[in-house]
């Protein structure tokens, strides 16, 4: 005949167990979260994702990187264009025009070869960087050569570019600490070109800029 098993008594809960076990139902609740804790109110660089909104890009400037901004160049042939551009200066302002290919022969003395690169700065602003290329004679200069070197470096690292006027070239800096990878907008390169040159695309000899160059009112 087997011995009967005696029931095991549950340990007495005299209130002290709650002090030792934070999961115990009787454990005292912690202090409520502070609604004014800066960490809970912090707005990060990707705030638009948290707010459920999408940034609409309606303007894309064509310019060189500012000396105070960190930027990257999007790598790959699908994000750049080697073409011919027309530059019009108006005092300190300079406008870059994209020119249709069928007009190049008639504007050989006005247009210049250029490399147009897709860039993004740390603020998430998209822009196109136009780098002048050597002309038909193949002659380059230290400004162009240094710009192309920096553009290559910026394909894999954040860079900041400044002009070294004393030595006649650009120089660049790279961040001492690791920075987050760029978040490129969901725009195809043709769409980027369309936005950037929407009002600065010359495809007819009757374009206002060409008429101005010919002295035609």
N, C-alpha and C. Protein backbone atom coordinates (compact mmCIF):
# COMPACT_ATOMS: atom_id res chain seq x y z
N UNK A 1 0.86 -1.20 0.00
CA UNK A 1 0.00 0.00 0.00
C UNK A 1 0.88 1.23 0.00
N UNK A 2 0.68 2.11 -0.96
CA UNK A 2 1.55 3.28 -1.09
C UNK A 2 1.12 4.35 -0.11
N UNK A 3 2.14 5.14 0.31
CA UNK A 3 1.84 6.21 1.27
C UNK A 3 1.14 7.35 0.57
N UNK A 4 0.14 7.88 1.24
CA UNK A 4 -0.59 9.01 0.65
C UNK A 4 0.27 10.26 0.73
N UNK A 5 0.18 11.11 -0.35
CA UNK A 5 0.97 12.35 -0.42
C UNK A 5 0.21 13.46 0.27
N UNK A 6 0.92 14.09 1.19
CA UNK A 6 0.28 15.17 1.92
C UNK A 6 0.26 16.43 1.07
N UNK A 7 -0.78 17.23 1.12
CA UNK A 7 -0.84 18.48 0.34
C UNK A 7 0.21 19.47 0.83
N UNK A 8 0.80 20.16 -0.12
CA UNK A 8 1.83 21.15 0.21
C UNK A 8 1.18 22.49 0.48
N UNK A 9 1.50 23.04 1.61
CA UNK A 9 0.89 24.32 1.97
C UNK A 9 1.58 25.44 1.24
N UNK A 10 0.82 26.39 0.71
CA UNK A 10 1.40 27.56 0.03
C UNK A 10 2.11 28.43 1.05
N UNK A 11 3.22 29.02 0.68
CA UNK A 11 3.93 29.89 1.64
C UNK A 11 3.05 31.04 2.06
N UNK A 12 3.19 31.34 3.34
CA UNK A 12 2.37 32.42 3.89
C UNK A 12 2.79 33.76 3.32
N UNK A 13 1.85 34.50 2.82
CA UNK A 13 2.12 35.84 2.28
C UNK A 13 1.76 36.84 3.35
N UNK A 14 2.79 37.30 4.03
CA UNK A 14 2.56 38.26 5.11
C UNK A 14 2.86 39.70 4.69
N UNK A 15 2.96 39.90 3.32
CA UNK A 15 3.21 41.25 2.84
C UNK A 15 4.67 41.54 2.60
N UNK A 16 5.57 40.70 3.17
CA UNK A 16 7.00 40.95 3.00
C UNK A 16 7.48 40.48 1.63
N UNK A 17 6.79 39.45 1.08
CA UNK A 17 7.22 38.95 -0.23
C UNK A 17 7.05 40.02 -1.29
N UNK A 18 6.05 40.84 -1.15
CA UNK A 18 5.82 41.88 -2.15
C UNK A 18 6.99 42.84 -2.22
N UNK A 19 7.63 43.04 -1.07
CA UNK A 19 8.75 43.97 -1.07
C UNK A 19 9.95 43.39 -1.78
N UNK A 20 9.99 42.04 -1.86
CA UNK A 20 11.13 41.39 -2.49
C UNK A 20 10.88 41.10 -3.96
N UNK A 21 9.63 40.95 -4.35
CA UNK A 21 9.29 40.57 -5.73
C UNK A 21 8.54 41.71 -6.39
N UNK A 22 9.18 42.36 -7.39
CA UNK A 22 8.54 43.49 -8.05
C UNK A 22 7.33 43.10 -8.87
N UNK A 23 7.22 41.78 -9.24
CA UNK A 23 6.09 41.32 -10.05
C UNK A 23 4.90 40.91 -9.19
N UNK A 24 5.10 40.91 -7.91
CA UNK A 24 4.01 40.49 -7.02
C UNK A 24 2.87 41.49 -7.11
N UNK A 25 1.63 41.00 -7.13
CA UNK A 25 0.49 41.92 -7.26
C UNK A 25 0.45 43.00 -6.20
N UNK A 26 1.00 42.66 -5.03
CA UNK A 26 0.95 43.63 -3.94
C UNK A 26 2.17 44.53 -3.90
N UNK A 27 3.09 44.38 -4.87
CA UNK A 27 4.30 45.20 -4.88
C UNK A 27 3.93 46.66 -5.08
N UNK A 28 4.60 47.56 -4.38
CA UNK A 28 4.27 48.99 -4.54
C UNK A 28 4.60 49.48 -5.94
N UNK A 29 3.73 50.31 -6.50
CA UNK A 29 3.94 50.84 -7.85
C UNK A 29 5.05 51.88 -7.84
N UNK A 30 5.83 51.93 -8.94
CA UNK A 30 6.89 52.91 -9.05
C UNK A 30 6.31 54.29 -9.31
N UNK A 31 7.17 55.29 -9.28
CA UNK A 31 6.67 56.66 -9.51
C UNK A 31 6.16 56.80 -10.94
N UNK A 32 5.14 57.57 -11.17
CA UNK A 32 4.61 57.74 -12.54
C UNK A 32 5.63 58.45 -13.41
N UNK A 33 5.62 58.19 -14.74
CA UNK A 33 6.57 58.86 -15.63
C UNK A 33 6.35 60.37 -15.64
N UNK A 34 7.44 61.08 -15.72
CA UNK A 34 7.37 62.54 -15.74
C UNK A 34 7.01 62.99 -17.15
N UNK A 35 5.84 63.62 -17.36
CA UNK A 35 5.45 64.03 -18.73
C UNK A 35 6.35 65.11 -19.30
N UNK A 36 7.16 65.73 -18.43
CA UNK A 36 8.05 66.80 -18.89
C UNK A 36 9.50 66.32 -19.00
N UNK A 37 9.69 64.99 -18.99
CA UNK A 37 11.03 64.44 -19.19
C UNK A 37 11.50 64.80 -20.61
N UNK A 38 12.61 65.52 -20.76
CA UNK A 38 13.07 65.91 -22.11
C UNK A 38 13.22 64.73 -23.06
N UNK A 39 13.60 63.56 -22.53
CA UNK A 39 13.79 62.40 -23.41
C UNK A 39 12.48 61.99 -24.08
N UNK A 40 11.35 62.19 -23.38
CA UNK A 40 10.06 61.79 -23.96
C UNK A 40 9.52 62.83 -24.92
N UNK A 41 10.10 64.02 -24.92
CA UNK A 41 9.63 65.11 -25.78
C UNK A 41 10.59 65.43 -26.90
N UNK A 42 11.71 64.70 -26.97
CA UNK A 42 12.76 65.01 -27.94
C UNK A 42 12.28 64.76 -29.37
N UNK A 43 12.55 65.70 -30.25
CA UNK A 43 12.20 65.59 -31.67
C UNK A 43 13.46 65.27 -32.44
N UNK A 44 13.56 64.06 -33.00
CA UNK A 44 14.74 63.64 -33.73
C UNK A 44 14.77 64.16 -35.15
N UNK A 45 15.88 63.86 -35.84
CA UNK A 45 16.04 64.32 -37.23
C UNK A 45 15.02 63.66 -38.15
N UNK A 46 14.53 62.47 -37.77
CA UNK A 46 13.55 61.75 -38.60
C UNK A 46 12.13 62.01 -38.10
N UNK A 47 11.88 63.22 -37.59
CA UNK A 47 10.59 63.53 -36.98
C UNK A 47 9.42 63.34 -37.92
N UNK A 48 9.66 63.55 -39.24
CA UNK A 48 8.54 63.46 -40.18
C UNK A 48 7.96 62.05 -40.22
N UNK A 49 8.82 61.03 -39.98
CA UNK A 49 8.33 59.65 -39.97
C UNK A 49 7.43 59.43 -38.76
N UNK A 50 7.84 59.98 -37.60
CA UNK A 50 7.04 59.81 -36.39
C UNK A 50 5.73 60.56 -36.44
N UNK A 51 5.67 61.65 -37.18
CA UNK A 51 4.44 62.42 -37.29
C UNK A 51 3.52 61.89 -38.38
N UNK A 52 4.00 60.91 -39.15
CA UNK A 52 3.18 60.33 -40.20
C UNK A 52 3.02 61.24 -41.40
N UNK A 53 4.03 62.07 -41.67
CA UNK A 53 3.97 62.96 -42.82
C UNK A 53 5.14 62.66 -43.74
N UNK A 54 5.00 63.08 -44.98
CA UNK A 54 6.04 62.87 -45.98
C UNK A 54 6.46 64.21 -46.56
N UNK A 55 7.76 64.45 -46.58
CA UNK A 55 8.27 65.71 -47.11
C UNK A 55 8.08 65.76 -48.62
N UNK A 56 7.46 66.82 -49.09
CA UNK A 56 7.25 67.01 -50.52
C UNK A 56 8.38 67.88 -51.06
N UNK A 57 9.11 67.35 -52.03
CA UNK A 57 10.24 68.07 -52.61
C UNK A 57 9.75 68.76 -53.88
N UNK A 58 9.64 70.06 -53.81
CA UNK A 58 9.16 70.82 -54.97
C UNK A 58 10.24 71.71 -55.57
N UNK A 59 11.35 71.88 -54.86
CA UNK A 59 12.46 72.69 -55.34
C UNK A 59 13.77 71.98 -55.04
N UNK A 60 14.64 71.90 -56.04
CA UNK A 60 15.96 71.31 -55.87
C UNK A 60 16.97 72.28 -56.46
N UNK A 61 17.78 72.93 -55.63
CA UNK A 61 18.74 73.89 -56.16
C UNK A 61 19.92 73.21 -56.85
N UNK A 62 20.54 73.95 -57.75
CA UNK A 62 21.77 73.50 -58.40
C UNK A 62 22.88 74.42 -57.89
N UNK A 63 23.77 73.88 -57.12
CA UNK A 63 24.80 74.68 -56.46
C UNK A 63 25.93 73.79 -56.00
N UNK A 64 27.03 74.41 -55.58
CA UNK A 64 28.10 73.63 -54.96
C UNK A 64 27.83 73.56 -53.45
N UNK A 65 28.41 72.60 -52.77
CA UNK A 65 28.17 72.48 -51.32
C UNK A 65 28.65 73.72 -50.57
N UNK A 66 27.88 74.12 -49.57
CA UNK A 66 28.29 75.23 -48.72
C UNK A 66 29.44 74.81 -47.82
N UNK A 67 30.26 75.77 -47.44
CA UNK A 67 31.43 75.44 -46.64
C UNK A 67 31.08 74.98 -45.23
N UNK A 68 29.85 75.24 -44.80
CA UNK A 68 29.46 74.87 -43.43
C UNK A 68 28.61 73.60 -43.36
N UNK A 69 28.31 72.97 -44.49
CA UNK A 69 27.41 71.83 -44.46
C UNK A 69 28.14 70.51 -44.74
N UNK A 70 27.65 69.47 -44.08
CA UNK A 70 28.11 68.11 -44.35
C UNK A 70 27.20 67.53 -45.43
N UNK A 71 27.79 66.88 -46.41
CA UNK A 71 27.00 66.36 -47.52
C UNK A 71 27.58 65.03 -48.00
N UNK A 72 26.76 64.31 -48.75
CA UNK A 72 27.21 63.10 -49.44
C UNK A 72 26.75 63.16 -50.89
N UNK A 73 27.49 62.46 -51.73
CA UNK A 73 27.16 62.31 -53.15
C UNK A 73 26.60 60.90 -53.34
N UNK A 74 25.48 60.81 -54.02
CA UNK A 74 24.89 59.48 -54.24
C UNK A 74 25.71 58.74 -55.30
N UNK A 75 26.25 57.59 -54.95
CA UNK A 75 27.11 56.89 -55.91
C UNK A 75 26.31 56.20 -57.02
N UNK A 76 27.00 55.89 -58.10
CA UNK A 76 26.37 55.18 -59.21
C UNK A 76 26.10 56.07 -60.40
N UNK A 77 26.30 55.51 -61.59
CA UNK A 77 26.08 56.28 -62.82
C UNK A 77 24.63 56.69 -63.01
N UNK A 78 23.72 56.00 -62.36
CA UNK A 78 22.30 56.34 -62.50
C UNK A 78 21.88 57.57 -61.74
N UNK A 79 22.82 58.16 -60.99
CA UNK A 79 22.49 59.34 -60.19
C UNK A 79 23.34 60.54 -60.57
N UNK A 80 23.89 60.53 -61.79
CA UNK A 80 24.70 61.65 -62.25
C UNK A 80 24.52 61.82 -63.75
N UNK A 81 24.89 62.98 -64.23
CA UNK A 81 24.72 63.28 -65.65
C UNK A 81 25.89 64.11 -66.14
N UNK A 82 26.54 63.62 -67.17
CA UNK A 82 27.58 64.41 -67.84
C UNK A 82 26.92 65.03 -69.06
N UNK A 83 26.88 66.35 -69.10
CA UNK A 83 26.09 67.04 -70.10
C UNK A 83 26.72 68.40 -70.42
N UNK A 84 25.97 69.23 -71.11
CA UNK A 84 26.39 70.60 -71.40
C UNK A 84 25.41 71.55 -70.75
N UNK A 85 25.94 72.59 -70.11
CA UNK A 85 25.08 73.55 -69.43
C UNK A 85 25.42 74.97 -69.90
N UNK A 86 24.46 75.84 -69.71
CA UNK A 86 24.64 77.26 -69.99
C UNK A 86 24.52 78.00 -68.68
N UNK A 87 25.51 78.81 -68.37
CA UNK A 87 25.49 79.56 -67.12
C UNK A 87 25.32 81.04 -67.41
N UNK A 88 24.36 81.63 -66.72
CA UNK A 88 24.06 83.05 -66.87
C UNK A 88 24.34 83.74 -65.54
N UNK A 89 25.18 84.76 -65.59
CA UNK A 89 25.51 85.51 -64.38
C UNK A 89 24.77 86.84 -64.38
N UNK A 90 24.23 87.15 -63.22
CA UNK A 90 23.54 88.43 -63.03
C UNK A 90 24.03 89.01 -61.71
N UNK A 91 25.11 89.76 -61.79
CA UNK A 91 25.74 90.25 -60.58
C UNK A 91 26.39 89.11 -59.83
N UNK A 92 26.03 88.93 -58.56
CA UNK A 92 26.58 87.83 -57.77
C UNK A 92 25.78 86.55 -57.97
N UNK A 93 24.61 86.65 -58.60
CA UNK A 93 23.77 85.47 -58.83
C UNK A 93 24.21 84.75 -60.10
N UNK A 94 24.11 83.43 -60.06
CA UNK A 94 24.46 82.61 -61.22
C UNK A 94 23.40 81.53 -61.38
N UNK A 95 22.88 81.40 -62.56
CA UNK A 95 21.86 80.39 -62.85
C UNK A 95 22.41 79.40 -63.87
N UNK A 96 22.18 78.13 -63.61
CA UNK A 96 22.63 77.06 -64.49
C UNK A 96 21.45 76.52 -65.27
N UNK A 97 21.56 76.50 -66.60
CA UNK A 97 20.50 76.01 -67.47
C UNK A 97 20.92 74.71 -68.13
N UNK A 98 20.01 73.77 -68.16
CA UNK A 98 20.22 72.54 -68.91
C UNK A 98 19.80 72.79 -70.35
N UNK A 99 20.61 72.31 -71.30
CA UNK A 99 20.38 72.60 -72.71
C UNK A 99 20.10 71.31 -73.48
N UNK A 100 19.03 71.30 -74.27
CA UNK A 100 18.71 70.14 -75.10
C UNK A 100 19.85 69.85 -76.08
N UNK A 101 20.10 68.60 -76.34
CA UNK A 101 21.28 68.20 -77.11
C UNK A 101 21.28 68.73 -78.54
N UNK A 102 20.10 68.88 -79.13
CA UNK A 102 20.07 69.33 -80.53
C UNK A 102 20.50 70.79 -80.67
N UNK A 103 20.59 71.52 -79.56
CA UNK A 103 21.01 72.91 -79.61
C UNK A 103 22.51 73.08 -79.36
N UNK A 104 23.19 72.03 -78.96
CA UNK A 104 24.61 72.14 -78.63
C UNK A 104 25.46 72.72 -79.76
N UNK A 105 25.29 72.26 -81.01
CA UNK A 105 26.16 72.81 -82.08
C UNK A 105 26.02 74.32 -82.25
N UNK A 106 24.82 74.84 -82.05
CA UNK A 106 24.59 76.28 -82.23
C UNK A 106 25.07 77.10 -81.05
N UNK A 107 25.35 76.44 -79.93
CA UNK A 107 25.74 77.15 -78.72
C UNK A 107 27.13 76.75 -78.24
N UNK A 108 27.95 76.30 -79.18
CA UNK A 108 29.27 75.78 -78.80
C UNK A 108 30.12 76.81 -78.08
N UNK A 109 29.90 78.08 -78.36
CA UNK A 109 30.69 79.11 -77.69
C UNK A 109 30.09 79.58 -76.38
N UNK A 110 28.91 79.09 -76.06
CA UNK A 110 28.21 79.55 -74.86
C UNK A 110 28.11 78.48 -73.78
N UNK A 111 27.98 77.24 -74.20
CA UNK A 111 27.79 76.16 -73.23
C UNK A 111 29.13 75.58 -72.81
N UNK A 112 29.13 74.85 -71.73
CA UNK A 112 30.35 74.22 -71.23
C UNK A 112 30.01 72.83 -70.69
N UNK A 113 30.93 71.87 -70.83
CA UNK A 113 30.66 70.53 -70.30
C UNK A 113 30.65 70.53 -68.78
N UNK A 114 29.81 69.71 -68.21
CA UNK A 114 29.67 69.68 -66.75
C UNK A 114 29.23 68.30 -66.29
N UNK A 115 29.56 68.00 -65.05
CA UNK A 115 29.10 66.79 -64.39
C UNK A 115 28.11 67.21 -63.32
N UNK A 116 26.90 66.68 -63.37
CA UNK A 116 25.85 67.02 -62.41
C UNK A 116 25.66 65.84 -61.47
N UNK A 117 25.85 66.07 -60.17
CA UNK A 117 25.81 65.01 -59.17
C UNK A 117 24.64 65.21 -58.21
N UNK A 118 24.06 64.11 -57.77
CA UNK A 118 22.98 64.15 -56.78
C UNK A 118 23.58 64.16 -55.39
N UNK A 119 23.21 65.16 -54.58
CA UNK A 119 23.79 65.32 -53.25
C UNK A 119 22.69 65.49 -52.19
N UNK A 120 23.07 65.19 -50.95
CA UNK A 120 22.16 65.35 -49.83
C UNK A 120 22.97 65.84 -48.64
N UNK A 121 22.44 66.84 -47.92
CA UNK A 121 23.15 67.30 -46.73
C UNK A 121 22.55 66.69 -45.47
N UNK A 122 23.13 67.01 -44.31
CA UNK A 122 22.70 66.39 -43.06
C UNK A 122 21.28 66.79 -42.67
N UNK A 123 20.83 67.92 -43.18
CA UNK A 123 19.47 68.36 -42.89
C UNK A 123 18.44 67.63 -43.75
N UNK A 124 18.92 66.78 -44.68
CA UNK A 124 18.01 66.06 -45.57
C UNK A 124 17.62 66.84 -46.80
N UNK A 125 18.33 67.92 -47.08
CA UNK A 125 18.03 68.74 -48.26
C UNK A 125 18.75 68.19 -49.49
N UNK A 126 18.00 67.95 -50.53
CA UNK A 126 18.55 67.44 -51.78
C UNK A 126 19.02 68.60 -52.65
N UNK A 127 20.17 68.45 -53.30
CA UNK A 127 20.62 69.45 -54.26
C UNK A 127 21.49 68.79 -55.32
N UNK A 128 21.66 69.48 -56.43
CA UNK A 128 22.51 69.02 -57.51
C UNK A 128 23.79 69.86 -57.51
N UNK A 129 24.90 69.17 -57.62
CA UNK A 129 26.20 69.83 -57.63
C UNK A 129 26.74 69.77 -59.05
N UNK A 130 26.94 70.94 -59.65
CA UNK A 130 27.47 71.05 -61.00
C UNK A 130 28.98 71.29 -60.93
N UNK A 131 29.74 70.36 -61.50
CA UNK A 131 31.20 70.52 -61.56
C UNK A 131 31.59 70.71 -63.02
N UNK A 132 32.24 71.81 -63.31
CA UNK A 132 32.69 72.05 -64.68
C UNK A 132 33.78 71.06 -65.06
N UNK A 133 33.70 70.57 -66.29
CA UNK A 133 34.68 69.62 -66.80
C UNK A 133 35.59 70.32 -67.81
N UNK A 134 36.73 69.73 -68.11
CA UNK A 134 37.61 70.33 -69.13
C UNK A 134 36.91 70.49 -70.46
N UNK A 135 37.23 71.56 -71.18
CA UNK A 135 36.64 71.82 -72.49
C UNK A 135 37.25 70.94 -73.57
N UNK A 136 36.96 71.26 -74.82
CA UNK A 136 37.46 70.46 -75.95
C UNK A 136 38.99 70.37 -75.98
N UNK A 137 39.68 71.37 -75.42
CA UNK A 137 41.14 71.33 -75.43
C UNK A 137 41.70 70.41 -74.35
N UNK A 138 40.82 69.91 -73.47
CA UNK A 138 41.25 68.97 -72.44
C UNK A 138 41.95 69.60 -71.25
N UNK A 139 42.07 70.92 -71.24
CA UNK A 139 42.77 71.59 -70.16
C UNK A 139 41.89 71.64 -68.91
N UNK A 140 42.46 71.22 -67.79
CA UNK A 140 41.74 71.25 -66.52
C UNK A 140 42.39 72.29 -65.61
N UNK A 141 41.93 72.35 -64.38
CA UNK A 141 42.54 73.24 -63.40
C UNK A 141 42.41 72.61 -62.02
N UNK A 142 43.11 73.19 -61.06
CA UNK A 142 43.15 72.58 -59.73
C UNK A 142 41.80 72.64 -59.02
N UNK A 143 40.97 73.62 -59.36
CA UNK A 143 39.64 73.69 -58.74
C UNK A 143 38.79 72.51 -59.19
N UNK A 144 38.79 72.23 -60.49
CA UNK A 144 38.01 71.10 -61.01
C UNK A 144 38.56 69.78 -60.49
N UNK A 145 39.88 69.62 -60.55
CA UNK A 145 40.48 68.37 -60.11
C UNK A 145 40.19 68.08 -58.64
N UNK A 146 40.32 69.10 -57.79
CA UNK A 146 40.06 68.89 -56.37
C UNK A 146 38.58 68.64 -56.10
N UNK A 147 37.68 69.30 -56.85
CA UNK A 147 36.25 69.07 -56.69
C UNK A 147 35.88 67.63 -57.04
N UNK A 148 36.47 67.11 -58.10
CA UNK A 148 36.18 65.73 -58.50
C UNK A 148 36.70 64.74 -57.46
N UNK A 149 37.85 65.03 -56.86
CA UNK A 149 38.37 64.14 -55.82
C UNK A 149 37.46 64.15 -54.59
N UNK A 150 37.00 65.32 -54.22
CA UNK A 150 36.11 65.42 -53.06
C UNK A 150 34.78 64.74 -53.34
N UNK A 151 34.28 64.88 -54.56
CA UNK A 151 33.02 64.22 -54.93
C UNK A 151 33.15 62.71 -54.79
N UNK A 152 34.30 62.19 -55.17
CA UNK A 152 34.53 60.74 -55.05
C UNK A 152 34.58 60.33 -53.58
N UNK A 153 35.24 61.13 -52.75
CA UNK A 153 35.29 60.82 -51.31
C UNK A 153 33.91 60.89 -50.69
N UNK A 154 33.08 61.81 -51.15
CA UNK A 154 31.74 62.01 -50.58
C UNK A 154 30.76 60.91 -50.97
N UNK A 155 31.16 60.01 -51.85
CA UNK A 155 30.28 58.89 -52.20
C UNK A 155 30.19 57.89 -51.05
N UNK A 156 31.20 57.86 -50.18
CA UNK A 156 31.22 56.87 -49.11
C UNK A 156 31.33 57.48 -47.72
N UNK A 157 31.41 58.80 -47.62
CA UNK A 157 31.56 59.44 -46.33
C UNK A 157 30.97 60.85 -46.37
N UNK A 158 30.49 61.30 -45.22
CA UNK A 158 30.08 62.69 -45.11
C UNK A 158 31.30 63.58 -45.26
N UNK A 159 31.17 64.66 -46.01
CA UNK A 159 32.29 65.57 -46.24
C UNK A 159 31.82 67.02 -46.07
N UNK A 160 32.79 67.86 -45.76
CA UNK A 160 32.55 69.30 -45.74
C UNK A 160 33.64 69.94 -46.59
N UNK A 161 33.24 70.72 -47.58
CA UNK A 161 34.18 71.26 -48.56
C UNK A 161 34.35 72.77 -48.38
N UNK A 162 35.60 73.21 -48.41
CA UNK A 162 35.89 74.64 -48.28
C UNK A 162 36.88 75.03 -49.38
N UNK A 163 36.86 76.31 -49.72
CA UNK A 163 37.77 76.83 -50.74
C UNK A 163 39.09 77.25 -50.10
N UNK A 164 40.17 76.79 -50.66
CA UNK A 164 41.51 77.21 -50.24
C UNK A 164 42.02 78.18 -51.31
N UNK A 165 41.65 79.45 -51.15
CA UNK A 165 41.98 80.43 -52.18
C UNK A 165 43.48 80.70 -52.26
N UNK A 166 44.18 80.49 -51.17
CA UNK A 166 45.63 80.74 -51.19
C UNK A 166 46.34 79.78 -52.13
N UNK A 167 45.85 78.54 -52.18
CA UNK A 167 46.50 77.52 -53.00
C UNK A 167 45.71 77.17 -54.25
N UNK A 168 44.53 77.79 -54.42
CA UNK A 168 43.78 77.61 -55.65
C UNK A 168 43.13 76.25 -55.82
N UNK A 169 42.55 75.72 -54.74
CA UNK A 169 41.84 74.45 -54.86
C UNK A 169 40.87 74.30 -53.70
N UNK A 170 40.03 73.26 -53.78
CA UNK A 170 39.13 72.93 -52.69
C UNK A 170 39.80 71.92 -51.78
N UNK A 171 39.47 71.99 -50.50
CA UNK A 171 39.89 70.98 -49.55
C UNK A 171 38.66 70.50 -48.80
N UNK A 172 38.77 69.36 -48.14
CA UNK A 172 37.58 68.86 -47.45
C UNK A 172 37.94 68.25 -46.10
N UNK A 173 36.91 68.13 -45.29
CA UNK A 173 37.04 67.54 -43.96
C UNK A 173 36.07 66.37 -43.86
N UNK A 174 36.44 65.39 -43.04
CA UNK A 174 35.56 64.27 -42.75
C UNK A 174 35.26 64.25 -41.26
N UNK A 175 34.09 63.78 -40.84
CA UNK A 175 33.70 63.86 -39.43
C UNK A 175 34.59 62.99 -38.54
N UNK A 176 34.87 63.49 -37.32
CA UNK A 176 35.68 62.74 -36.37
C UNK A 176 34.89 61.58 -35.77
N UNK A 177 33.57 61.73 -35.68
CA UNK A 177 32.71 60.68 -35.16
C UNK A 177 31.84 60.13 -36.28
N UNK A 178 31.38 58.91 -36.09
CA UNK A 178 30.54 58.27 -37.12
C UNK A 178 29.16 58.93 -37.14
N UNK A 179 28.71 59.28 -38.33
CA UNK A 179 27.39 59.89 -38.51
C UNK A 179 26.44 58.89 -39.16
N UNK A 180 25.14 59.04 -38.94
CA UNK A 180 24.17 58.12 -39.56
C UNK A 180 24.23 58.17 -41.09
N UNK A 181 23.86 57.08 -41.70
CA UNK A 181 23.83 57.02 -43.16
C UNK A 181 22.75 57.98 -43.71
N UNK A 182 22.98 58.53 -44.90
CA UNK A 182 21.98 59.43 -45.47
C UNK A 182 20.69 58.69 -45.82
N UNK A 183 19.57 59.39 -45.69
CA UNK A 183 18.27 58.83 -46.08
C UNK A 183 17.84 59.52 -47.36
N UNK A 184 18.15 58.87 -48.48
CA UNK A 184 17.85 59.46 -49.79
C UNK A 184 16.35 59.45 -50.04
N UNK A 185 15.82 60.52 -50.58
CA UNK A 185 14.38 60.57 -50.86
C UNK A 185 13.99 59.59 -51.97
N UNK A 186 12.74 59.23 -51.96
CA UNK A 186 12.23 58.27 -52.94
C UNK A 186 11.88 59.00 -54.24
N UNK A 187 12.92 59.43 -54.94
CA UNK A 187 12.76 60.13 -56.21
C UNK A 187 13.74 59.54 -57.22
N UNK A 188 13.25 59.23 -58.42
CA UNK A 188 14.12 58.76 -59.49
C UNK A 188 14.93 59.94 -60.02
N UNK A 189 16.08 59.65 -60.62
CA UNK A 189 16.95 60.72 -61.10
C UNK A 189 16.27 61.59 -62.17
N UNK A 190 15.53 61.01 -63.13
CA UNK A 190 14.84 61.89 -64.09
C UNK A 190 13.88 62.87 -63.41
N UNK A 191 13.23 62.42 -62.34
CA UNK A 191 12.32 63.31 -61.62
C UNK A 191 13.09 64.41 -60.90
N UNK A 192 14.26 64.07 -60.39
CA UNK A 192 15.11 65.07 -59.74
C UNK A 192 15.52 66.14 -60.74
N UNK A 193 15.92 65.72 -61.94
CA UNK A 193 16.30 66.68 -62.98
C UNK A 193 15.11 67.56 -63.37
N UNK A 194 13.95 66.94 -63.46
CA UNK A 194 12.75 67.68 -63.86
C UNK A 194 12.42 68.77 -62.86
N UNK A 195 12.54 68.46 -61.57
CA UNK A 195 12.25 69.45 -60.54
C UNK A 195 13.32 70.54 -60.53
N UNK A 196 14.59 70.13 -60.61
CA UNK A 196 15.69 71.09 -60.51
C UNK A 196 15.72 72.06 -61.68
N UNK A 197 15.43 71.56 -62.89
CA UNK A 197 15.54 72.39 -64.10
C UNK A 197 14.18 72.70 -64.71
N UNK A 198 13.15 72.66 -63.89
CA UNK A 198 11.78 72.89 -64.37
C UNK A 198 11.68 74.22 -65.12
N UNK A 199 12.29 75.26 -64.58
CA UNK A 199 12.24 76.59 -65.21
C UNK A 199 13.56 76.98 -65.85
N UNK A 200 14.47 76.00 -65.95
CA UNK A 200 15.80 76.32 -66.48
C UNK A 200 16.25 75.23 -67.48
N UNK A 201 15.33 74.87 -68.37
CA UNK A 201 15.63 73.91 -69.42
C UNK A 201 15.42 74.58 -70.77
N UNK A 202 16.47 74.64 -71.58
CA UNK A 202 16.41 75.30 -72.88
C UNK A 202 16.29 74.23 -73.96
N UNK A 203 15.16 74.23 -74.66
CA UNK A 203 14.96 73.24 -75.71
C UNK A 203 14.54 73.88 -77.03
N UNK A 204 14.59 75.23 -77.09
CA UNK A 204 14.20 75.92 -78.31
C UNK A 204 15.07 77.16 -78.47
N UNK A 205 15.35 77.52 -79.74
CA UNK A 205 16.13 78.73 -80.01
C UNK A 205 15.35 79.97 -79.63
N UNK A 206 14.05 79.83 -79.42
CA UNK A 206 13.21 80.96 -79.03
C UNK A 206 13.11 81.13 -77.51
N UNK A 207 13.89 80.35 -76.78
CA UNK A 207 13.88 80.50 -75.32
C UNK A 207 14.31 81.92 -74.95
N UNK A 208 13.72 82.47 -73.91
CA UNK A 208 13.97 83.86 -73.51
C UNK A 208 15.46 84.13 -73.26
N UNK A 209 16.17 83.17 -72.70
CA UNK A 209 17.59 83.36 -72.41
C UNK A 209 18.40 83.46 -73.69
N UNK A 210 18.09 82.61 -74.67
CA UNK A 210 18.81 82.66 -75.94
C UNK A 210 18.48 83.93 -76.70
N UNK A 211 17.25 84.38 -76.63
CA UNK A 211 16.87 85.62 -77.26
C UNK A 211 17.63 86.79 -76.62
N UNK A 212 17.80 86.71 -75.33
CA UNK A 212 18.55 87.74 -74.62
C UNK A 212 20.01 87.76 -75.05
N UNK A 213 20.60 86.57 -75.22
CA UNK A 213 22.00 86.49 -75.66
C UNK A 213 22.17 87.03 -77.07
N UNK A 214 21.14 86.86 -77.91
CA UNK A 214 21.21 87.35 -79.30
C UNK A 214 20.84 88.82 -79.40
N UNK A 215 20.40 89.40 -78.28
CA UNK A 215 20.00 90.80 -78.31
C UNK A 215 18.65 91.02 -78.92
N UNK A 216 17.82 89.97 -78.91
CA UNK A 216 16.47 90.07 -79.46
C UNK A 216 15.51 90.34 -78.32
N UNK A 217 14.70 91.36 -78.46
CA UNK A 217 13.75 91.72 -77.39
C UNK A 217 12.67 90.68 -77.28
